[in-house]
């Protein structure tokens, strides 16, 4: 994304990470045991764990919590030396709150048109 969207990129990456964490299935009490190497599962996908599927309400709760955390952290940064960081946290929170309010709406991937290819002129390759 463009440099002016740094707050949005940071907020959205953080929210996606939080959603990814929320989808993780908690380990059972006995599942984190060490065992013999030869008893380990083998093959592609053998160690993949099932993920929880979050409902819309859960997704909104996670995003709201992310926005609240940023606002709380910004309110604690009162020293003038931290003013820029506090402002960035508030900007990130506003990005997330816009999604919660439904005012973000779908945005085109490239509002100025398709991306230009870099490289070998019109041949594009």
N, C-alpha and C. Protein backbone atom coordinates (compact mmCIF):
# COMPACT_ATOMS: atom_id res chain seq x y z
N UNK A 1 0.84 -1.19 0.00
CA UNK A 1 0.00 0.00 0.00
C UNK A 1 0.88 1.24 0.00
N UNK A 2 0.28 2.33 -0.29
CA UNK A 2 1.03 3.58 -0.34
C UNK A 2 1.45 4.01 1.05
N UNK A 3 2.44 4.90 1.09
CA UNK A 3 2.96 5.34 2.39
C UNK A 3 1.91 6.05 3.22
N UNK A 4 0.95 6.70 2.60
CA UNK A 4 -0.08 7.41 3.37
C UNK A 4 -1.03 6.44 4.06
N UNK A 5 -0.98 5.18 3.68
CA UNK A 5 -1.86 4.19 4.25
C UNK A 5 -1.18 3.36 5.33
N UNK A 6 -0.06 3.84 5.88
CA UNK A 6 0.67 3.05 6.86
C UNK A 6 -0.18 2.71 8.08
N UNK A 7 -0.99 3.64 8.53
CA UNK A 7 -1.84 3.36 9.70
C UNK A 7 -2.86 2.29 9.36
N UNK A 8 -3.43 2.35 8.16
CA UNK A 8 -4.41 1.35 7.75
C UNK A 8 -3.76 -0.02 7.61
N UNK A 9 -2.59 -0.06 7.00
CA UNK A 9 -1.89 -1.33 6.84
C UNK A 9 -1.58 -1.94 8.20
N UNK A 10 -1.06 -1.14 9.10
CA UNK A 10 -0.71 -1.63 10.43
C UNK A 10 -1.95 -2.12 11.18
N UNK A 11 -3.03 -1.36 11.12
CA UNK A 11 -4.26 -1.74 11.81
C UNK A 11 -4.83 -3.02 11.24
N UNK A 12 -4.86 -3.13 9.92
CA UNK A 12 -5.45 -4.31 9.30
C UNK A 12 -4.60 -5.55 9.51
N UNK A 13 -3.28 -5.39 9.45
CA UNK A 13 -2.41 -6.53 9.74
C UNK A 13 -2.60 -7.01 11.18
N UNK A 14 -2.68 -6.07 12.10
CA UNK A 14 -2.90 -6.44 13.50
C UNK A 14 -4.23 -7.13 13.70
N UNK A 15 -5.27 -6.63 13.04
CA UNK A 15 -6.60 -7.24 13.17
C UNK A 15 -6.62 -8.63 12.55
N UNK A 16 -5.96 -8.79 11.41
CA UNK A 16 -5.90 -10.12 10.79
C UNK A 16 -5.15 -11.11 11.67
N UNK A 17 -4.07 -10.66 12.29
CA UNK A 17 -3.32 -11.54 13.20
C UNK A 17 -4.18 -11.92 14.40
N UNK A 18 -4.93 -10.95 14.93
CA UNK A 18 -5.81 -11.23 16.07
C UNK A 18 -6.91 -12.22 15.68
N UNK A 19 -7.45 -12.07 14.48
CA UNK A 19 -8.47 -13.01 14.00
C UNK A 19 -7.88 -14.40 13.81
N UNK A 20 -6.66 -14.44 13.28
CA UNK A 20 -5.99 -15.72 13.10
C UNK A 20 -5.78 -16.41 14.45
N UNK A 21 -5.37 -15.64 15.45
CA UNK A 21 -5.18 -16.20 16.80
C UNK A 21 -6.51 -16.67 17.38
N UNK A 22 -7.58 -15.91 17.13
CA UNK A 22 -8.89 -16.28 17.67
C UNK A 22 -9.41 -17.57 17.03
N UNK A 23 -8.98 -17.86 15.81
CA UNK A 23 -9.41 -19.08 15.13
C UNK A 23 -8.64 -20.32 15.59
N UNK A 24 -7.56 -20.12 16.33
CA UNK A 24 -6.76 -21.26 16.78
C UNK A 24 -7.56 -22.10 17.76
N UNK A 25 -7.41 -23.39 17.63
CA UNK A 25 -8.10 -24.32 18.53
C UNK A 25 -7.23 -24.52 19.76
N UNK A 26 -7.78 -24.31 20.95
CA UNK A 26 -6.98 -24.51 22.16
C UNK A 26 -6.52 -25.95 22.27
N UNK A 27 -5.31 -26.13 22.76
CA UNK A 27 -4.77 -27.47 22.96
C UNK A 27 -5.45 -28.11 24.14
N UNK A 28 -5.72 -29.41 24.02
CA UNK A 28 -6.27 -30.15 25.14
C UNK A 28 -5.18 -30.37 26.17
N UNK A 29 -5.56 -30.79 27.35
CA UNK A 29 -4.60 -30.96 28.42
C UNK A 29 -3.53 -31.99 28.08
N UNK A 30 -3.88 -33.07 27.41
CA UNK A 30 -2.92 -34.11 27.14
C UNK A 30 -2.30 -34.05 25.76
N UNK A 31 -2.63 -33.06 24.94
CA UNK A 31 -2.18 -33.07 23.56
C UNK A 31 -0.79 -32.52 23.35
N UNK A 32 -0.20 -31.87 24.32
CA UNK A 32 1.12 -31.27 24.13
C UNK A 32 2.22 -32.15 24.69
N UNK A 33 2.08 -33.45 24.52
CA UNK A 33 3.05 -34.39 25.06
C UNK A 33 4.13 -34.68 24.03
N UNK A 34 5.34 -34.86 24.52
CA UNK A 34 6.43 -35.26 23.65
C UNK A 34 6.37 -36.76 23.46
N UNK A 35 6.81 -37.20 22.33
CA UNK A 35 6.80 -38.63 22.07
C UNK A 35 8.00 -39.01 21.23
N UNK A 36 8.06 -40.26 20.89
CA UNK A 36 9.16 -40.76 20.08
C UNK A 36 9.05 -40.20 18.67
N UNK A 37 10.17 -39.92 18.06
CA UNK A 37 10.21 -39.37 16.72
C UNK A 37 9.53 -40.30 15.73
N UNK A 38 9.73 -41.59 15.87
CA UNK A 38 9.13 -42.53 14.92
C UNK A 38 7.61 -42.60 15.05
N UNK A 39 7.06 -42.12 16.15
CA UNK A 39 5.61 -42.11 16.33
C UNK A 39 4.99 -40.81 15.83
N UNK A 40 5.81 -39.89 15.34
CA UNK A 40 5.32 -38.61 14.86
C UNK A 40 4.60 -38.77 13.53
N UNK A 41 3.57 -37.95 13.29
CA UNK A 41 2.89 -38.03 12.00
C UNK A 41 3.83 -37.56 10.89
N UNK A 42 3.66 -38.12 9.73
CA UNK A 42 4.51 -37.76 8.60
C UNK A 42 3.64 -37.49 7.38
N UNK A 43 4.18 -36.71 6.49
CA UNK A 43 3.48 -36.43 5.24
C UNK A 43 2.92 -35.03 5.22
N UNK A 44 2.55 -34.60 4.02
CA UNK A 44 2.02 -33.25 3.84
C UNK A 44 0.73 -33.08 4.62
N UNK A 45 0.68 -32.04 5.42
CA UNK A 45 -0.52 -31.72 6.19
C UNK A 45 -0.74 -32.55 7.43
N UNK A 46 0.20 -33.41 7.76
CA UNK A 46 0.02 -34.30 8.90
C UNK A 46 -0.03 -33.55 10.22
N UNK A 47 0.58 -32.41 10.28
CA UNK A 47 0.61 -31.65 11.54
C UNK A 47 -0.36 -30.47 11.52
N UNK A 48 -1.20 -30.38 10.52
CA UNK A 48 -2.17 -29.30 10.45
C UNK A 48 -3.27 -29.52 11.49
N UNK A 49 -3.64 -28.46 12.16
CA UNK A 49 -4.71 -28.54 13.15
C UNK A 49 -5.96 -27.88 12.58
N UNK A 50 -7.09 -28.38 12.97
CA UNK A 50 -8.35 -27.77 12.55
C UNK A 50 -8.45 -26.37 13.15
N UNK A 51 -9.09 -25.47 12.45
CA UNK A 51 -9.27 -24.10 12.93
C UNK A 51 -10.74 -23.89 13.28
N UNK A 52 -10.96 -23.02 14.25
CA UNK A 52 -12.33 -22.63 14.57
C UNK A 52 -12.84 -21.72 13.47
N UNK A 53 -14.11 -21.76 13.23
CA UNK A 53 -14.71 -20.82 12.29
C UNK A 53 -15.46 -19.78 13.12
N UNK A 54 -15.01 -18.53 13.02
CA UNK A 54 -15.62 -17.46 13.80
C UNK A 54 -16.89 -16.98 13.12
N UNK A 55 -17.88 -16.70 13.93
CA UNK A 55 -19.10 -16.10 13.41
C UNK A 55 -18.90 -14.60 13.25
N UNK A 56 -19.86 -13.97 12.61
CA UNK A 56 -19.76 -12.53 12.37
C UNK A 56 -19.62 -11.75 13.67
N UNK A 57 -20.37 -12.15 14.68
CA UNK A 57 -20.33 -11.45 15.97
C UNK A 57 -18.94 -11.57 16.60
N UNK A 58 -18.34 -12.76 16.51
CA UNK A 58 -17.00 -12.96 17.08
C UNK A 58 -15.96 -12.13 16.34
N UNK A 59 -16.09 -12.06 15.03
CA UNK A 59 -15.15 -11.24 14.24
C UNK A 59 -15.26 -9.78 14.65
N UNK A 60 -16.50 -9.30 14.78
CA UNK A 60 -16.69 -7.91 15.19
C UNK A 60 -16.13 -7.65 16.58
N UNK A 61 -16.29 -8.61 17.48
CA UNK A 61 -15.76 -8.46 18.84
C UNK A 61 -14.24 -8.38 18.83
N UNK A 62 -13.59 -9.20 18.00
CA UNK A 62 -12.13 -9.18 17.91
C UNK A 62 -11.65 -7.83 17.35
N UNK A 63 -12.30 -7.37 16.30
CA UNK A 63 -11.90 -6.09 15.70
C UNK A 63 -12.14 -4.94 16.68
N UNK A 64 -13.27 -4.98 17.38
CA UNK A 64 -13.57 -3.95 18.37
C UNK A 64 -12.52 -3.95 19.49
N UNK A 65 -12.11 -5.13 19.92
CA UNK A 65 -11.08 -5.24 20.97
C UNK A 65 -9.76 -4.66 20.48
N UNK A 66 -9.42 -4.90 19.21
CA UNK A 66 -8.19 -4.33 18.65
C UNK A 66 -8.25 -2.81 18.64
N UNK A 67 -9.38 -2.25 18.25
CA UNK A 67 -9.53 -0.79 18.25
C UNK A 67 -9.44 -0.24 19.67
N UNK A 68 -10.11 -0.91 20.61
CA UNK A 68 -10.08 -0.46 22.00
C UNK A 68 -8.67 -0.50 22.58
N UNK A 69 -7.92 -1.55 22.25
CA UNK A 69 -6.54 -1.65 22.74
C UNK A 69 -5.70 -0.48 22.24
N UNK A 70 -5.88 -0.11 20.98
CA UNK A 70 -5.11 1.00 20.43
C UNK A 70 -5.49 2.32 21.09
N UNK A 71 -6.79 2.52 21.32
CA UNK A 71 -7.23 3.77 21.97
C UNK A 71 -6.73 3.83 23.41
N UNK A 72 -6.76 2.71 24.10
CA UNK A 72 -6.27 2.68 25.48
C UNK A 72 -4.77 2.97 25.53
N UNK A 73 -4.02 2.35 24.64
CA UNK A 73 -2.57 2.58 24.61
C UNK A 73 -2.27 4.04 24.27
N UNK A 74 -3.03 4.62 23.34
CA UNK A 74 -2.82 6.01 22.97
C UNK A 74 -3.10 6.94 24.15
N UNK A 75 -4.10 6.60 24.95
CA UNK A 75 -4.44 7.46 26.10
C UNK A 75 -3.36 7.41 27.17
N UNK A 76 -2.60 6.31 27.21
CA UNK A 76 -1.52 6.20 28.20
C UNK A 76 -0.25 6.91 27.75
N UNK A 77 -0.13 7.22 26.47
CA UNK A 77 1.06 7.90 25.95
C UNK A 77 0.85 9.40 26.05
N UNK A 78 1.12 9.95 27.21
CA UNK A 78 0.84 11.37 27.45
C UNK A 78 2.06 12.26 27.29
N UNK A 79 3.24 11.69 27.32
CA UNK A 79 4.45 12.51 27.21
C UNK A 79 4.57 13.08 25.79
N UNK A 80 5.03 14.32 25.67
CA UNK A 80 5.18 14.92 24.34
C UNK A 80 6.05 14.09 23.40
N UNK A 81 7.00 13.38 23.95
CA UNK A 81 7.88 12.56 23.11
C UNK A 81 7.12 11.42 22.44
N UNK A 82 5.97 11.06 22.97
CA UNK A 82 5.19 9.95 22.43
C UNK A 82 3.97 10.42 21.64
N UNK A 83 3.88 11.69 21.35
CA UNK A 83 2.70 12.24 20.68
C UNK A 83 2.49 11.61 19.31
N UNK A 84 3.56 11.40 18.55
CA UNK A 84 3.42 10.83 17.21
C UNK A 84 2.91 9.39 17.28
N UNK A 85 3.43 8.62 18.23
CA UNK A 85 2.99 7.23 18.39
C UNK A 85 1.53 7.18 18.82
N UNK A 86 1.14 8.06 19.74
CA UNK A 86 -0.25 8.09 20.19
C UNK A 86 -1.18 8.45 19.03
N UNK A 87 -0.77 9.39 18.20
CA UNK A 87 -1.60 9.79 17.06
C UNK A 87 -1.74 8.64 16.07
N UNK A 88 -0.65 7.91 15.86
CA UNK A 88 -0.72 6.77 14.94
C UNK A 88 -1.66 5.69 15.49
N UNK A 89 -1.60 5.44 16.79
CA UNK A 89 -2.51 4.46 17.40
C UNK A 89 -3.97 4.89 17.25
N UNK A 90 -4.23 6.19 17.43
CA UNK A 90 -5.59 6.69 17.25
C UNK A 90 -6.04 6.55 15.80
N UNK A 91 -5.13 6.80 14.86
CA UNK A 91 -5.45 6.65 13.44
C UNK A 91 -5.76 5.19 13.10
N UNK A 92 -4.98 4.27 13.67
CA UNK A 92 -5.22 2.84 13.44
C UNK A 92 -6.59 2.44 14.02
N UNK A 93 -6.90 2.95 15.19
CA UNK A 93 -8.19 2.64 15.81
C UNK A 93 -9.33 3.16 14.93
N UNK A 94 -9.17 4.34 14.36
CA UNK A 94 -10.21 4.90 13.50
C UNK A 94 -10.44 4.04 12.25
N UNK A 95 -9.36 3.48 11.71
CA UNK A 95 -9.50 2.59 10.55
C UNK A 95 -10.37 1.40 10.94
N UNK A 96 -10.08 0.80 12.08
CA UNK A 96 -10.85 -0.37 12.52
C UNK A 96 -12.29 0.00 12.85
N UNK A 97 -12.48 1.15 13.47
CA UNK A 97 -13.84 1.58 13.82
C UNK A 97 -14.68 1.87 12.58
N UNK A 98 -14.04 2.35 11.51
CA UNK A 98 -14.77 2.56 10.25
C UNK A 98 -15.31 1.24 9.72
N UNK A 99 -14.53 0.17 9.85
CA UNK A 99 -15.02 -1.14 9.42
C UNK A 99 -16.18 -1.60 10.28
N UNK A 100 -16.11 -1.34 11.57
CA UNK A 100 -17.20 -1.73 12.46
C UNK A 100 -18.47 -0.96 12.17
N UNK A 101 -18.32 0.30 11.80
CA UNK A 101 -19.49 1.14 11.49
C UNK A 101 -20.08 0.81 10.13
N UNK A 102 -19.37 0.04 9.33
CA UNK A 102 -19.87 -0.29 8.01
C UNK A 102 -19.65 0.81 6.99
N UNK A 103 -18.93 1.85 7.39
CA UNK A 103 -18.73 2.97 6.46
C UNK A 103 -17.52 2.77 5.57
N UNK A 104 -16.74 1.70 5.84
CA UNK A 104 -15.55 1.49 5.02
C UNK A 104 -15.95 1.00 3.64
N UNK A 105 -16.94 0.12 3.57
CA UNK A 105 -17.41 -0.38 2.29
C UNK A 105 -16.30 -1.02 1.47
N UNK A 106 -16.64 -1.70 0.42
CA UNK A 106 -15.60 -2.29 -0.42
C UNK A 106 -14.84 -1.20 -1.16
N UNK A 107 -13.56 -1.29 -1.11
CA UNK A 107 -12.70 -0.32 -1.77
C UNK A 107 -12.04 -0.99 -2.96
N UNK A 108 -11.91 -0.29 -4.10
CA UNK A 108 -11.21 -0.89 -5.23
C UNK A 108 -9.75 -1.10 -4.86
N UNK A 109 -9.17 -2.17 -5.40
CA UNK A 109 -7.79 -2.49 -5.09
C UNK A 109 -6.84 -1.41 -5.57
N UNK A 110 -7.13 -0.83 -6.71
CA UNK A 110 -6.28 0.20 -7.29
C UNK A 110 -7.16 1.33 -7.80
N UNK A 111 -7.48 2.32 -6.96
CA UNK A 111 -8.40 3.37 -7.36
C UNK A 111 -7.94 4.16 -8.57
N UNK A 112 -6.65 4.20 -8.84
CA UNK A 112 -6.16 4.96 -9.97
C UNK A 112 -6.05 4.10 -11.22
N UNK A 113 -6.63 2.91 -11.20
CA UNK A 113 -6.54 2.03 -12.35
C UNK A 113 -5.63 0.86 -12.04
N UNK A 114 -5.45 -0.02 -13.02
CA UNK A 114 -4.60 -1.18 -12.77
C UNK A 114 -3.16 -0.77 -12.56
N UNK A 115 -2.40 -1.58 -11.81
CA UNK A 115 -0.99 -1.23 -11.57
C UNK A 115 -0.20 -1.32 -12.87
N UNK A 116 0.76 -0.45 -12.97
CA UNK A 116 1.64 -0.47 -14.15
C UNK A 116 2.67 -1.55 -13.98
N UNK A 117 2.95 -2.23 -15.06
CA UNK A 117 4.00 -3.25 -15.01
C UNK A 117 5.35 -2.59 -15.08
N UNK A 118 6.25 -3.12 -14.29
CA UNK A 118 7.60 -2.61 -14.32
C UNK A 118 8.45 -3.60 -15.10
N UNK A 119 9.39 -3.09 -15.77
CA UNK A 119 10.30 -4.01 -16.43
C UNK A 119 10.56 -3.69 -17.87
N UNK A 120 10.10 -4.54 -18.75
CA UNK A 120 10.55 -4.54 -20.13
C UNK A 120 9.56 -3.85 -21.06
N UNK A 121 9.16 -2.67 -20.76
CA UNK A 121 8.34 -1.88 -21.67
C UNK A 121 6.98 -2.50 -21.91
N UNK A 122 6.45 -2.36 -23.13
CA UNK A 122 5.13 -2.81 -23.46
C UNK A 122 5.02 -4.33 -23.53
N UNK A 123 6.14 -5.01 -23.68
CA UNK A 123 6.11 -6.46 -23.77
C UNK A 123 5.63 -7.08 -22.46
N UNK A 124 5.89 -6.38 -21.34
CA UNK A 124 5.38 -6.82 -20.04
C UNK A 124 6.05 -8.07 -19.53
N UNK A 125 7.22 -8.39 -19.98
CA UNK A 125 7.78 -9.63 -19.50
C UNK A 125 9.22 -9.51 -19.34
